[in-house]
Amino acid sequence: MVTKYTAIAVIVITILSGAFITVTYLTSANAILLNSAGASFPYPLIDKMITEYNRAKPYIQVNYQPSGSGAGITALTDKTVFFAGSDAPLSNFEREKALNTLHIPETIGSIAITYNIPNIPSGLKLTGQIVADIFEGKITMWNDVAITNINNDIILPAETIKTVHRSESSGTTFVFTGYLNTVSTSWKNNVGQSKTIAWPAANDVASSGNTGVAQIITSTLYSIGYVELAYVLQADMTVAAIQNPSGNYILPTLNSTTIAAQSVALEGLPAGNADWSHVNLLNAKDANAYPIVSFSYILVYQELNVIPGMTQECATAFVQFLLYMVNDGQNLANSSNYAPLPVNVVDLNTETIKLITFNGQTITTLL
């Protein structure tokens, strides 16, 4: 006899092989599977939220595939998932293709600049301009005068810099290149911000996901890349101290991420059903804030009946899970090395979730 969990595993395999099934009921146990995909940036936290939620409600299974923000947005547009995870808010073009999509910030994390130079520990000082020049191919050697001038206590090797970036459409790339846009006119004019980039540096390597980039950097001498902080800490990677707008060189830590989040997120944010394309948490003004910090979003349709196979029972279970993510689920943020959402963002998210309907009926009124 097939148990509830064995049956669900078979369904997940079917999904991964390409036959997307959004909702499946197992008649013997009336279990609900919520399929989702997207950003790898928040995956360690989302995975922990799913595990904890399933302990309380084992009949609800959430399958989240960290396939990248671009793939998640495509799946949302194709209506093959309940929600997409994305570190990049939808562009105006993407909003037109996925009408009535809500933005729900579910966590805040930082992007570390990590490197592999023998005998050089964490703390190498880099300005935003230097980072941009490295990834633009203008600085090609580790002992370049621009780097040595601000690290005169370190002997840097005469070795070629190897840059590492994401190979797929990535929200982490969107945030990182957005940061480079703010610190380098040359980068802004010649390369720009996007989830996919034509990387100009000659000695360049690509890999999929934050995990893939982290693995390449760890195994490649004299490399440098950008990786979400949780993955950096898991792999015990070496990280740079990046100069912030106050002129201070700040390491990416949970504390410096939280300071940035509290500094920026208290400012006015749009409603959940409005345009978020210009929202970012980069270059917070606090003197102790790390400068490369970002929201990560849950993207969901306001009217859930547009998703094939949706039922009221499933819609209700989904909304309950969303409420958990932005409320009690935030208690898991610190232990996962993400900044908990500020109170004003939690309140905004709760109001946004109240907008979600099924067949025109507000779901939260049924809870």
Protein backbone atom coordinates (compact mmCIF):
# COMPACT_ATOMS: atom_id res chain seq x y z
CA MET A 1 0.00 0.00 0.00
CA VAL A 2 1.38 3.42 -0.98
CA THR A 3 1.59 5.83 1.94
CA LYS A 4 0.77 9.52 1.73
CA TYR A 5 4.42 10.59 1.63
CA THR A 6 5.49 7.96 -0.90
CA ALA A 7 2.69 9.05 -3.21
CA ILE A 8 3.73 12.69 -2.90
CA ALA A 9 7.33 11.79 -3.77
CA VAL A 10 6.09 10.18 -6.99
CA ILE A 11 4.21 13.38 -7.84
CA VAL A 12 7.31 15.52 -7.26
CA ILE A 13 9.31 13.29 -9.60
CA THR A 14 6.62 13.76 -12.21
CA ILE A 15 6.86 17.53 -11.79
CA LEU A 16 10.63 17.53 -12.10
CA SER A 17 10.46 15.50 -15.29
CA GLY A 18 8.40 18.23 -16.91
CA ALA A 19 4.75 17.28 -16.35
CA PHE A 20 3.75 20.17 -14.13
CA ILE A 21 0.86 19.44 -11.81
CA THR A 22 -0.13 22.34 -9.61
CA VAL A 23 -2.49 20.60 -7.17
CA THR A 24 -2.93 16.94 -6.41
CA TYR A 25 -5.29 15.34 -3.90
CA LEU A 26 -4.41 11.94 -2.49
CA THR A 27 -7.82 10.50 -1.76
CA SER A 28 -6.58 8.16 0.94
CA ALA A 29 -5.21 11.08 3.02
CA ASN A 30 -6.64 14.20 1.37
CA ALA A 31 -3.13 15.71 1.18
CA ILE A 32 -2.51 18.97 -0.71
CA LEU A 33 0.62 19.66 -2.75
CA LEU A 34 1.53 23.31 -3.36
CA ASN A 35 4.00 23.53 -6.22
CA SER A 36 6.33 26.53 -6.42
CA ALA A 37 9.68 27.58 -7.89
CA GLY A 38 12.09 30.46 -8.22
CA ALA A 39 14.94 32.24 -6.47
CA SER A 40 17.73 30.26 -4.84
CA PHE A 41 18.65 33.38 -2.79
CA PRO A 42 15.99 32.67 -0.07
CA TYR A 43 15.92 28.87 -0.45
CA PRO A 44 17.64 27.97 2.87
CA LEU A 45 15.00 29.97 4.73
CA ILE A 46 12.03 28.86 2.60
CA ASP A 47 13.11 25.23 2.99
CA LYS A 48 13.23 25.62 6.77
CA MET A 49 9.80 27.30 6.77
CA ILE A 50 8.36 24.44 4.73
CA THR A 51 9.83 21.83 7.10
CA GLU A 52 8.49 23.55 10.22
CA TYR A 53 5.07 24.19 8.70
CA ASN A 54 4.74 20.58 7.58
CA ARG A 55 5.33 19.39 11.13
CA ALA A 56 2.23 21.27 12.23
CA LYS A 57 0.20 20.46 9.10
CA PRO A 58 1.58 17.25 7.56
CA TYR A 59 -1.27 17.05 5.05
CA ILE A 60 0.07 20.19 3.31
CA GLN A 61 3.20 19.58 1.23
CA VAL A 62 5.01 22.56 -0.32
CA ASN A 63 7.39 21.74 -3.17
CA TYR A 64 9.77 24.66 -3.85
CA GLN A 65 12.34 24.27 -6.64
CA PRO A 66 15.23 26.83 -6.39
CA SER A 67 15.52 27.13 -10.16
CA GLY A 68 16.31 30.87 -10.26
CA SER A 69 14.15 33.98 -10.27
CA GLY A 70 13.76 34.01 -14.04
CA ALA A 71 12.52 30.42 -14.15
CA GLY A 72 10.15 31.14 -11.27
CA ILE A 73 8.65 34.16 -13.03
CA THR A 74 8.23 32.11 -16.21
CA ALA A 75 6.44 29.38 -14.25
CA LEU A 76 4.18 31.96 -12.64
CA THR A 77 3.37 33.46 -16.05
CA ASP A 78 2.63 29.98 -17.40
CA LYS A 79 0.46 29.31 -14.32
CA THR A 80 2.24 26.08 -13.45
CA VAL A 81 3.01 27.11 -9.86
CA PHE A 82 1.12 28.55 -6.90
CA PHE A 83 3.83 31.13 -6.30
CA ALA A 84 7.19 32.19 -7.62
CA GLY A 85 10.17 33.30 -5.57
CA SER A 86 12.11 36.24 -7.00
CA ASP A 87 14.80 38.58 -5.74
CA ALA A 88 13.89 40.95 -8.56
CA PRO A 89 10.51 42.70 -8.55
CA LEU A 90 8.53 42.30 -11.74
CA SER A 91 9.35 44.70 -14.55
CA ASN A 92 6.48 46.51 -16.25
CA PHE A 93 6.72 44.03 -19.14
CA GLU A 94 6.58 41.06 -16.76
CA ARG A 95 3.60 42.57 -14.91
CA GLU A 96 1.71 42.82 -18.20
CA LYS A 97 2.35 39.12 -18.87
CA ALA A 98 1.29 38.11 -15.34
CA LEU A 99 -1.57 40.51 -14.70
CA ASN A 100 -2.73 41.13 -11.13
CA THR A 101 0.38 39.68 -9.50
CA LEU A 102 1.06 40.67 -5.89
CA HIS A 103 4.50 41.34 -4.43
CA ILE A 104 5.04 39.91 -0.94
CA PRO A 105 8.55 40.46 0.49
CA GLU A 106 9.26 37.32 2.47
CA THR A 107 12.82 37.96 3.65
CA ILE A 108 15.87 40.21 3.43
CA GLY A 109 19.36 38.95 2.68
CA SER A 110 22.73 40.21 1.55
CA ILE A 111 24.97 39.34 -1.37
CA ALA A 112 28.56 38.71 -0.35
CA ILE A 113 31.58 39.25 -2.59
CA THR A 114 33.58 36.12 -1.97
CA TYR A 115 37.05 35.20 -3.22
CA ASN A 116 39.62 32.40 -3.18
CA ILE A 117 43.14 33.75 -2.64
CA PRO A 118 45.52 31.50 -0.67
CA ASN A 119 46.49 32.89 2.74
CA ILE A 120 44.20 35.93 2.38
CA PRO A 121 41.43 35.70 5.01
CA SER A 122 38.10 37.50 5.05
CA GLY A 123 38.31 41.28 5.17
CA LEU A 124 39.98 42.23 1.89
CA LYS A 125 38.81 45.80 1.30
CA LEU A 126 37.03 46.55 -1.96
CA THR A 127 35.16 49.60 -3.13
CA GLY A 128 32.08 49.28 -5.30
CA GLN A 129 34.03 50.83 -8.18
CA ILE A 130 36.77 48.21 -7.86
CA VAL A 131 34.21 45.38 -7.86
CA ALA A 132 32.57 46.85 -10.97
CA ASP A 133 35.95 47.24 -12.70
CA ILE A 134 36.82 43.61 -11.92
CA PHE A 135 33.60 42.28 -13.39
CA GLU A 136 33.85 44.66 -16.35
CA GLY A 137 37.32 43.32 -17.10
CA LYS A 138 39.15 46.59 -16.39
CA ILE A 139 41.00 45.21 -13.37
CA THR A 140 42.46 41.82 -14.25
CA MET A 141 45.21 41.20 -11.67
CA TRP A 142 44.91 40.76 -7.91
CA ASN A 143 47.91 43.03 -7.32
CA ASP A 144 46.39 45.89 -9.31
CA VAL A 145 47.29 49.22 -7.74
CA ALA A 146 43.61 50.07 -7.11
CA ILE A 147 43.34 47.05 -4.79
CA THR A 148 46.77 47.26 -3.16
CA ASN A 149 46.39 50.97 -2.35
CA ILE A 150 43.54 50.26 0.08
CA ASN A 151 45.02 46.96 1.35
CA ASN A 152 48.61 48.02 2.11
CA ASP A 153 48.83 45.52 4.98
CA ILE A 154 48.28 42.59 2.60
CA ILE A 155 50.64 41.17 -0.02
CA LEU A 156 48.41 40.37 -2.97
CA PRO A 157 49.58 37.89 -5.64
CA ALA A 158 50.44 38.74 -9.24
CA GLU A 159 47.71 36.38 -10.43
CA THR A 160 44.92 36.79 -12.96
CA ILE A 161 41.47 37.36 -11.47
CA LYS A 162 38.83 34.81 -12.48
CA THR A 163 35.25 36.06 -12.16
CA VAL A 164 32.34 33.72 -11.46
CA HIS A 165 28.70 34.52 -12.17
CA ARG A 166 25.26 32.90 -12.39
CA SER A 167 24.55 31.06 -15.64
CA GLU A 168 20.74 31.23 -15.47
CA SER A 169 18.27 34.10 -15.23
CA SER A 170 18.89 35.13 -11.64
CA GLY A 171 17.46 37.61 -9.17
CA THR A 172 20.78 37.54 -7.32
CA THR A 173 22.41 38.74 -10.54
CA PHE A 174 19.72 41.42 -10.87
CA VAL A 175 20.48 42.76 -7.39
CA PHE A 176 24.26 42.53 -7.82
CA THR A 177 24.27 44.30 -11.20
CA GLY A 178 21.85 46.87 -9.79
CA TYR A 179 24.43 47.61 -7.11
CA LEU A 180 27.16 47.93 -9.75
CA ASN A 181 24.92 50.39 -11.58
CA THR A 182 24.86 52.63 -8.50
CA VAL A 183 28.64 52.68 -8.00
CA SER A 184 30.01 52.73 -11.57
CA THR A 185 28.95 55.00 -14.41
CA SER A 186 30.89 52.82 -16.83
CA TRP A 187 29.02 49.69 -15.71
CA LYS A 188 25.67 51.49 -15.94
CA ASN A 189 26.39 52.79 -19.45
CA ASN A 190 28.08 49.71 -20.90
CA VAL A 191 26.55 46.71 -19.12
CA GLY A 192 23.53 47.63 -17.00
CA GLN A 193 21.19 45.75 -14.67
CA SER A 194 19.39 42.55 -15.58
CA LYS A 195 18.72 38.99 -14.44
CA THR A 196 20.93 37.86 -17.37
CA ILE A 197 24.07 39.76 -18.41
CA ALA A 198 26.62 39.60 -21.23
CA TRP A 199 29.57 39.49 -18.84
CA PRO A 200 32.50 41.46 -20.25
CA ALA A 201 35.43 40.06 -18.22
CA ALA A 202 37.65 37.70 -20.24
CA ASN A 203 38.50 35.19 -17.50
CA ASP A 204 34.93 34.38 -16.60
CA VAL A 205 33.16 31.21 -15.43
CA ALA A 206 29.42 30.57 -14.99
CA SER A 207 27.49 28.17 -12.79
CA SER A 208 23.87 27.59 -11.81
CA GLY A 209 22.38 28.78 -8.54
CA ASN A 210 24.06 30.25 -5.48
CA THR A 211 25.27 26.74 -4.61
CA GLY A 212 26.90 26.30 -8.02
CA VAL A 213 28.69 29.66 -7.90
CA ALA A 214 29.87 28.94 -4.35
CA GLN A 215 31.27 25.57 -5.42
CA ILE A 216 33.17 27.07 -8.37
CA ILE A 217 34.74 29.78 -6.22
CA THR A 218 35.70 27.31 -3.50
CA SER A 219 37.44 25.06 -6.02
CA THR A 220 39.05 27.75 -8.23
CA LEU A 221 42.14 29.62 -7.07
CA TYR A 222 42.17 33.41 -7.57
CA SER A 223 38.46 33.54 -8.30
CA ILE A 224 35.85 36.05 -7.15
CA GLY A 225 32.06 35.98 -7.33
CA TYR A 226 28.79 37.01 -5.70
CA VAL A 227 26.86 34.63 -3.44
CA GLU A 228 23.98 35.07 -0.98
CA LEU A 229 25.21 35.22 2.61
CA ALA A 230 23.50 32.05 3.89
CA TYR A 231 25.36 29.95 1.31
CA VAL A 232 28.65 31.71 2.11
CA LEU A 233 28.30 30.89 5.81
CA GLN A 234 27.30 27.29 5.11
CA ALA A 235 30.45 26.79 3.01
CA ASP A 236 32.69 28.88 5.33
CA MET A 237 33.78 31.07 2.42
CA THR A 238 36.10 34.08 2.48
CA VAL A 239 34.35 37.42 2.00
CA ALA A 240 35.34 40.99 1.18
CA ALA A 241 34.59 44.08 3.24
CA ILE A 242 32.74 46.42 0.87
CA GLN A 243 32.84 50.19 1.23
CA ASN A 244 29.41 51.64 2.01
CA PRO A 245 28.18 55.20 1.26
CA SER A 246 29.56 56.39 4.61
CA GLY A 247 33.06 55.32 3.54
CA ASN A 248 33.22 52.38 5.95
CA TYR A 249 34.34 48.91 4.87
CA ILE A 250 31.64 46.52 6.05
CA LEU A 251 31.63 42.73 6.12
CA PRO A 252 28.38 40.96 5.16
CA THR A 253 26.90 39.64 8.40
CA LEU A 254 23.45 39.11 9.79
CA ASN A 255 23.90 42.24 11.88
CA SER A 256 25.04 44.51 9.01
CA THR A 257 22.21 43.11 6.86
CA THR A 258 19.63 43.80 9.57
CA ILE A 259 20.93 47.35 10.02
CA ALA A 260 20.49 47.97 6.29
CA ALA A 261 17.00 46.48 6.33
CA GLN A 262 15.87 48.60 9.25
CA SER A 263 17.40 51.71 7.74
CA VAL A 264 15.74 51.40 4.33
CA ALA A 265 12.58 49.40 4.87
CA LEU A 266 11.13 52.04 7.20
CA GLU A 267 10.71 54.31 4.19
CA GLY A 268 7.51 54.28 2.18
CA LEU A 269 6.84 51.11 0.20
CA PRO A 270 4.18 50.60 -2.48
CA ALA A 271 1.03 48.57 -1.90
CA GLY A 272 1.34 44.87 -2.64
CA ASN A 273 -0.69 45.20 -5.85
CA ALA A 274 1.30 48.21 -7.10
CA ASP A 275 4.53 48.61 -9.10
CA TRP A 276 7.64 47.46 -7.18
CA SER A 277 10.08 47.72 -10.09
CA HIS A 278 11.99 50.64 -8.52
CA VAL A 279 12.18 49.26 -4.96
CA ASN A 280 15.62 48.29 -3.67
CA LEU A 281 17.52 48.19 -0.37
CA LEU A 282 20.96 49.00 -1.81
CA ASN A 283 23.40 51.46 -0.23
CA ALA A 284 21.54 52.08 3.02
CA LYS A 285 22.61 55.32 4.69
CA ASP A 286 23.45 53.88 8.11
CA ALA A 287 27.22 53.97 8.72
CA ASN A 288 27.25 50.30 9.79
CA ALA A 289 25.04 48.93 7.03
CA TYR A 290 26.30 46.47 4.43
CA PRO A 291 25.60 48.00 0.99
CA ILE A 292 24.41 44.99 -1.07
CA VAL A 293 21.13 44.00 0.56
CA SER A 294 17.83 42.97 -1.01
CA PHE A 295 14.28 41.91 -0.42
CA SER A 296 13.32 38.51 -1.78
CA TYR A 297 9.71 38.31 -2.93
CA ILE A 298 6.87 35.84 -3.12
CA LEU A 299 4.90 36.56 -6.32
CA VAL A 300 1.30 35.33 -6.38
CA TYR A 301 -1.82 36.04 -8.40
CA GLN A 302 -4.42 38.09 -6.60
CA GLU A 303 -7.25 35.94 -8.05
CA LEU A 304 -6.26 32.31 -7.58
CA ASN A 305 -8.86 30.79 -9.89
CA VAL A 306 -6.55 31.63 -12.82
CA ILE A 307 -4.36 28.68 -11.77
CA PRO A 308 -5.49 25.39 -13.35
CA GLY A 309 -6.73 22.86 -10.82
CA MET A 310 -7.25 25.40 -8.05
CA THR A 311 -9.99 24.68 -5.53
CA GLN A 312 -11.26 26.64 -2.55
CA GLU A 313 -9.74 24.15 -0.13
CA CYS A 314 -6.37 24.43 -1.82
CA ALA A 315 -6.56 28.22 -2.05
CA THR A 316 -7.33 28.40 1.66
CA ALA A 317 -4.38 26.14 2.53
CA PHE A 318 -2.11 28.25 0.36
CA VAL A 319 -3.12 31.56 1.96
CA GLN A 320 -2.62 30.05 5.42
CA PHE A 321 0.92 29.11 4.40
CA LEU A 322 1.61 32.62 3.10
CA LEU A 323 0.43 34.13 6.39
CA TYR A 324 2.75 31.77 8.25
CA MET A 325 5.75 32.76 6.06
CA VAL A 326 5.43 36.49 6.75
CA ASN A 327 4.48 36.17 10.44
CA ASP A 328 5.61 33.20 12.56
CA GLY A 329 7.97 32.01 9.83
CA GLN A 330 10.09 35.13 10.40
CA ASN A 331 11.21 33.59 13.70
CA LEU A 332 13.41 31.27 11.60
CA ALA A 333 15.18 34.11 9.78
CA ASN A 334 18.05 34.78 12.18
CA SER A 335 19.06 31.13 12.47
CA SER A 336 19.09 30.95 8.66
CA ASN A 337 21.21 34.13 8.36
CA TYR A 338 18.50 36.36 6.92
CA ALA A 339 17.15 39.57 8.42
CA PRO A 340 13.61 39.28 9.82
CA LEU A 341 11.13 41.56 8.11
CA PRO A 342 10.58 44.91 9.87
CA VAL A 343 7.16 45.28 11.49
CA ASN A 344 5.93 47.72 8.87
CA VAL A 345 6.74 45.22 6.10
CA VAL A 346 4.96 42.40 7.96
CA ASP A 347 1.89 44.63 8.30
CA LEU A 348 2.05 45.53 4.60
CA ASN A 349 2.31 41.84 3.67
CA THR A 350 -0.67 40.93 5.82
CA GLU A 351 -2.76 43.58 4.06
CA THR A 352 -1.56 42.29 0.70
CA ILE A 353 -2.52 38.70 1.52
CA LYS A 354 -5.99 39.94 2.46
CA LEU A 355 -6.38 40.96 -1.21
CA ILE A 356 -6.12 37.35 -2.43
CA THR A 357 -9.39 35.90 -3.70
CA PHE A 358 -10.81 32.70 -5.12
CA ASN A 359 -13.74 33.13 -7.48
CA GLY A 360 -13.98 36.71 -6.28
CA GLN A 361 -14.27 35.81 -2.57
CA THR A 362 -11.61 37.06 -0.17
CA ILE A 363 -9.91 33.98 1.25
CA THR A 364 -8.90 35.45 4.61
CA THR A 365 -12.59 35.87 5.45
CA LEU A 366 -12.89 32.07 5.32
CA LEU A 367 -10.09 31.41 7.81
